[in-house]
């Protein structure tokens, strides 16, 4: 059975009222409902479809989609690209509204947003042009990035950089360390000779003596003297 046929079968089963929690507990499946043009893993999706862990949902600026899972409802707003991860969500671009009593977390870049408790929590996450905007509409949120974890109280909003400054600082310090090591290696290297090793006076004298010694040894080993007594 192909994947598309399997999706249709699961969709029919869920729509007929089979307890979604029994399926989701094993496969991380949920139901996707679209409002306008939307794509699932790059393929145009009809009005409804089963969705599984790792699936990508994309909407146009004039469309949207809803992901319904046991204890959670996720609205993918217009012009968004979102990856469904079963118990969590990853926003590649755009905006989502999350309502959950199952602690469904959302990540955007290096930023992770999660309910502070198991109580019903509603929040919005928008990731556009490297800036993550977070709104705690109902219940408190825990926001985690490389700088640590902070609590965002209900009714408050905040923003974060998608890539934290600490990451860029680490990269910058690494580059500085590399430059320092290069400078140290350059400083410890012996300076190059101005005219080459063989052109120095000492090398010429030593080389000449060596050549002369070899020549004398070769001639002394010859059976015929250098100046024969008879012409």
Protein backbone atom coordinates (compact mmCIF):
# COMPACT_ATOMS: atom_id res chain seq x y z
CA UNK A 1 0.00 0.00 0.00
CA UNK A 2 1.41 3.39 -1.03
CA UNK A 3 1.79 6.28 1.41
CA UNK A 4 -0.99 8.31 -0.24
CA UNK A 5 -3.40 5.39 0.01
CA UNK A 6 -2.39 4.86 3.62
CA UNK A 7 -3.06 8.51 4.39
CA UNK A 8 -6.53 8.27 2.82
CA UNK A 9 -7.31 5.17 4.84
CA UNK A 10 -6.20 6.79 8.10
CA UNK A 11 -8.15 9.94 7.27
CA UNK A 12 -11.34 7.94 6.70
CA UNK A 13 -10.87 6.02 9.95
CA UNK A 14 -10.35 9.20 11.95
CA UNK A 15 -13.27 10.98 10.31
CA UNK A 16 -15.57 8.03 11.05
CA UNK A 17 -14.97 8.60 14.74
CA UNK A 18 -12.27 6.10 15.71
CA UNK A 19 -10.60 7.41 18.91
CA UNK A 20 -7.69 9.49 17.61
CA UNK A 21 -5.77 9.04 20.83
CA UNK A 22 -5.33 5.31 20.14
CA UNK A 23 -3.66 6.04 16.82
CA UNK A 24 -1.72 9.11 17.92
CA UNK A 25 -0.20 7.27 20.87
CA UNK A 26 1.63 4.92 18.52
CA UNK A 27 2.25 6.90 15.33
CA UNK A 28 2.06 10.59 16.27
CA UNK A 29 -0.75 11.03 13.75
CA UNK A 30 -3.23 13.89 13.70
CA UNK A 31 -5.76 15.38 11.31
CA UNK A 32 -5.01 18.29 9.00
CA UNK A 33 -7.84 20.53 7.75
CA UNK A 34 -7.06 23.16 5.14
CA UNK A 35 -8.72 26.48 4.35
CA UNK A 36 -7.63 27.40 0.84
CA UNK A 37 -4.56 26.14 -1.02
CA UNK A 38 -2.08 24.26 1.16
CA UNK A 39 0.67 21.69 0.68
CA UNK A 40 1.71 18.63 2.64
CA UNK A 41 5.34 17.62 2.01
CA UNK A 42 5.25 19.62 -1.22
CA UNK A 43 2.07 18.01 -2.56
CA UNK A 44 -1.27 19.83 -2.76
CA UNK A 45 -3.49 18.59 0.04
CA UNK A 46 -7.30 18.30 -0.19
CA UNK A 47 -9.67 19.65 2.42
CA UNK A 48 -8.50 17.12 5.01
CA UNK A 49 -5.73 14.58 5.45
CA UNK A 50 -3.92 12.57 8.07
CA UNK A 51 -0.62 14.09 9.15
CA UNK A 52 2.32 12.31 10.76
CA UNK A 53 5.48 13.17 12.65
CA UNK A 54 7.99 14.85 10.32
CA UNK A 55 5.40 16.12 7.83
CA UNK A 56 5.75 19.66 6.46
CA UNK A 57 2.70 21.91 6.11
CA UNK A 58 2.86 25.01 3.89
CA UNK A 59 0.20 27.66 3.35
CA UNK A 60 -0.19 30.60 1.00
CA UNK A 61 -0.71 34.16 2.15
CA UNK A 62 -4.46 33.76 1.58
CA UNK A 63 -4.86 30.30 3.11
CA UNK A 64 -4.53 28.48 6.42
CA UNK A 65 -4.66 25.06 8.03
CA UNK A 66 -5.63 23.40 11.30
CA UNK A 67 -3.88 20.45 12.92
CA UNK A 68 -6.11 18.64 15.40
CA UNK A 69 -4.50 16.14 17.77
CA UNK A 70 -5.71 14.72 21.09
CA UNK A 71 -5.63 17.58 23.60
CA UNK A 72 -4.19 20.09 21.11
CA UNK A 73 -5.28 22.33 18.27
CA UNK A 74 -2.75 24.12 16.07
CA UNK A 75 -3.65 26.79 13.53
CA UNK A 76 -1.10 27.37 10.76
CA UNK A 77 -1.66 30.92 9.56
CA UNK A 78 -1.07 32.30 6.07
CA UNK A 79 2.33 32.27 4.36
CA UNK A 80 3.80 29.73 6.78
CA UNK A 81 5.98 26.64 6.67
CA UNK A 82 5.64 24.36 9.69
CA UNK A 83 6.95 20.89 10.56
CA UNK A 84 4.67 18.71 12.64
CA UNK A 85 6.63 16.64 15.18
CA UNK A 86 3.83 14.94 17.08
CA UNK A 87 4.38 16.24 20.61
CA UNK A 88 6.00 19.44 19.33
CA UNK A 89 6.05 21.82 16.39
CA UNK A 90 8.80 23.53 14.42
CA UNK A 91 8.15 26.86 12.72
CA UNK A 92 10.40 27.31 9.72
CA UNK A 93 8.65 30.51 8.66
CA UNK A 94 5.41 32.29 9.40
CA UNK A 95 3.01 32.10 12.31
CA UNK A 96 1.07 29.53 14.36
CA UNK A 97 -1.58 29.64 17.09
CA UNK A 98 -1.20 26.78 19.56
CA UNK A 99 -3.85 25.66 22.05
CA UNK A 100 -2.87 22.63 24.13
CA UNK A 101 -3.32 20.75 27.37
CA UNK A 102 -0.61 18.26 26.37
CA UNK A 103 2.38 20.57 26.70
CA UNK A 104 2.95 20.87 22.94
CA UNK A 105 6.11 22.98 22.49
CA UNK A 106 7.10 25.09 19.52
CA UNK A 107 10.60 25.87 18.28
CA UNK A 108 11.68 28.66 15.96
CA UNK A 109 15.38 28.71 15.20
CA UNK A 110 17.24 28.48 18.53
CA UNK A 111 14.17 29.51 20.53
CA UNK A 112 11.89 26.98 22.25
CA UNK A 113 8.46 27.94 23.58
CA UNK A 114 6.58 25.56 25.89
CA UNK A 115 3.64 25.76 28.30
CA UNK A 116 4.75 26.31 31.89
CA UNK A 117 2.19 23.78 33.17
CA UNK A 118 -0.13 21.02 32.01
CA UNK A 119 -3.11 23.39 32.17
CA UNK A 120 -4.83 24.50 28.98
CA UNK A 121 -2.45 27.00 27.33
CA UNK A 122 -2.85 29.19 24.28
CA UNK A 123 -0.02 31.09 22.59
CA UNK A 124 1.13 32.51 19.29
CA UNK A 125 4.58 32.20 17.69
CA UNK A 126 5.65 34.21 14.65
CA UNK A 127 9.02 33.81 12.96
CA UNK A 128 9.69 36.33 10.18
CA UNK A 129 13.03 37.72 8.96
CA UNK A 130 14.98 36.18 11.84
CA UNK A 131 12.81 37.69 14.59
CA UNK A 132 10.62 35.47 16.78
CA UNK A 133 7.55 37.11 18.31
CA UNK A 134 5.84 35.28 21.17
CA UNK A 135 2.48 36.03 22.81
CA UNK A 136 1.16 34.20 25.88
CA UNK A 137 -2.61 34.45 25.35
CA UNK A 138 -3.67 31.99 28.05
CA UNK A 139 -1.35 30.50 30.66
CA UNK A 140 2.35 31.12 31.27
CA UNK A 141 5.12 30.09 28.88
CA UNK A 142 8.71 28.95 29.29
CA UNK A 143 11.04 30.47 26.70
CA UNK A 144 14.43 28.80 26.28
CA UNK A 145 17.42 29.82 24.18
CA UNK A 146 21.21 29.80 24.58
CA UNK A 147 20.89 32.53 27.21
CA UNK A 148 18.75 30.34 29.49
CA UNK A 149 15.07 29.90 30.34
CA UNK A 150 12.66 32.65 31.35
CA UNK A 151 8.93 32.70 32.13
CA UNK A 152 6.56 34.76 30.01
CA UNK A 153 3.42 35.45 32.08
CA UNK A 154 -0.07 35.21 30.62
CA UNK A 155 -1.06 38.28 28.64
CA UNK A 156 2.55 39.30 27.93
CA UNK A 157 4.49 39.43 24.66
CA UNK A 158 8.19 39.31 23.85
CA UNK A 159 10.62 38.95 20.96
CA UNK A 160 13.77 36.93 20.45
CA UNK A 161 16.39 36.63 17.73
CA UNK A 162 16.00 33.39 15.80
CA UNK A 163 19.77 32.84 16.15
CA UNK A 164 21.02 33.97 19.55
CA UNK A 165 23.80 36.55 19.90
CA UNK A 166 25.75 34.12 22.07
CA UNK A 167 26.18 31.81 19.08
CA UNK A 168 27.62 34.64 16.99
CA UNK A 169 29.86 35.68 19.89
CA UNK A 170 31.23 32.14 20.09
CA UNK A 171 31.93 32.11 16.36
CA UNK A 172 33.61 35.50 16.63
CA UNK A 173 35.81 34.36 19.54
CA UNK A 174 36.76 31.24 17.60
CA UNK A 175 37.84 33.39 14.65
CA UNK A 176 39.88 35.61 16.98
CA UNK A 177 41.58 32.56 18.50
CA UNK A 178 42.45 31.29 15.04
CA UNK A 179 43.97 34.66 14.11
CA UNK A 180 46.02 34.68 17.33
CA UNK A 181 47.35 31.17 16.62
CA UNK A 182 48.27 32.19 13.07
CA UNK A 183 50.13 35.25 14.38
CA UNK A 184 51.98 33.12 16.96
CA UNK A 185 53.02 30.62 14.30
CA UNK A 186 54.20 33.44 12.05
CA UNK A 187 56.16 35.07 14.89
CA UNK A 188 57.85 31.79 15.85
CA UNK A 189 58.91 30.93 12.32
CA UNK A 190 62.50 31.61 11.28
CA UNK A 191 62.83 34.67 9.04
CA UNK A 192 63.54 33.93 5.39
CA UNK A 193 67.07 34.60 4.13
CA UNK A 194 67.45 37.59 1.89
CA UNK A 195 69.26 35.84 -0.99
CA UNK A 196 68.60 32.17 -0.34
CA UNK A 197 70.63 29.63 1.63
CA UNK A 198 73.12 28.73 -1.13
CA UNK A 199 74.01 32.38 -1.83
CA UNK A 200 75.36 33.12 1.68
CA UNK A 201 79.22 33.49 1.98
CA UNK A 202 79.52 30.68 4.52
CA UNK A 203 77.61 28.28 2.30
CA UNK A 204 79.80 29.16 -0.70
CA UNK A 205 83.03 28.51 1.26
CA UNK A 206 81.80 25.24 2.71
CA UNK A 207 80.43 24.08 -0.63
CA UNK A 208 83.65 24.96 -2.44
CA UNK A 209 85.78 23.07 0.10
CA UNK A 210 83.56 20.01 -0.19
CA UNK A 211 83.73 20.00 -3.99
CA UNK A 212 87.51 20.43 -3.89
CA UNK A 213 87.92 17.54 -1.44
CA UNK A 214 85.82 15.24 -3.60
CA UNK A 215 87.81 16.15 -6.69
CA UNK A 216 91.19 15.41 -4.99
CA UNK A 217 89.89 12.07 -3.71
CA UNK A 218 88.66 11.03 -7.16
CA UNK A 219 91.92 11.98 -8.85
CA UNK A 220 94.03 10.21 -6.25
CA UNK A 221 92.07 7.03 -6.89
CA UNK A 222 92.83 7.17 -10.64
CA UNK A 223 95.42 4.68 -11.89
CA UNK A 224 96.89 7.30 -14.24
CA UNK A 225 98.64 10.27 -12.58
CA UNK A 226 97.50 13.75 -13.41
CA UNK A 227 100.81 14.63 -15.06
CA UNK A 228 102.09 11.49 -16.80
CA UNK A 229 105.88 11.13 -16.87
CA UNK A 230 105.72 10.16 -20.51
CA UNK A 231 103.80 12.14 -23.02
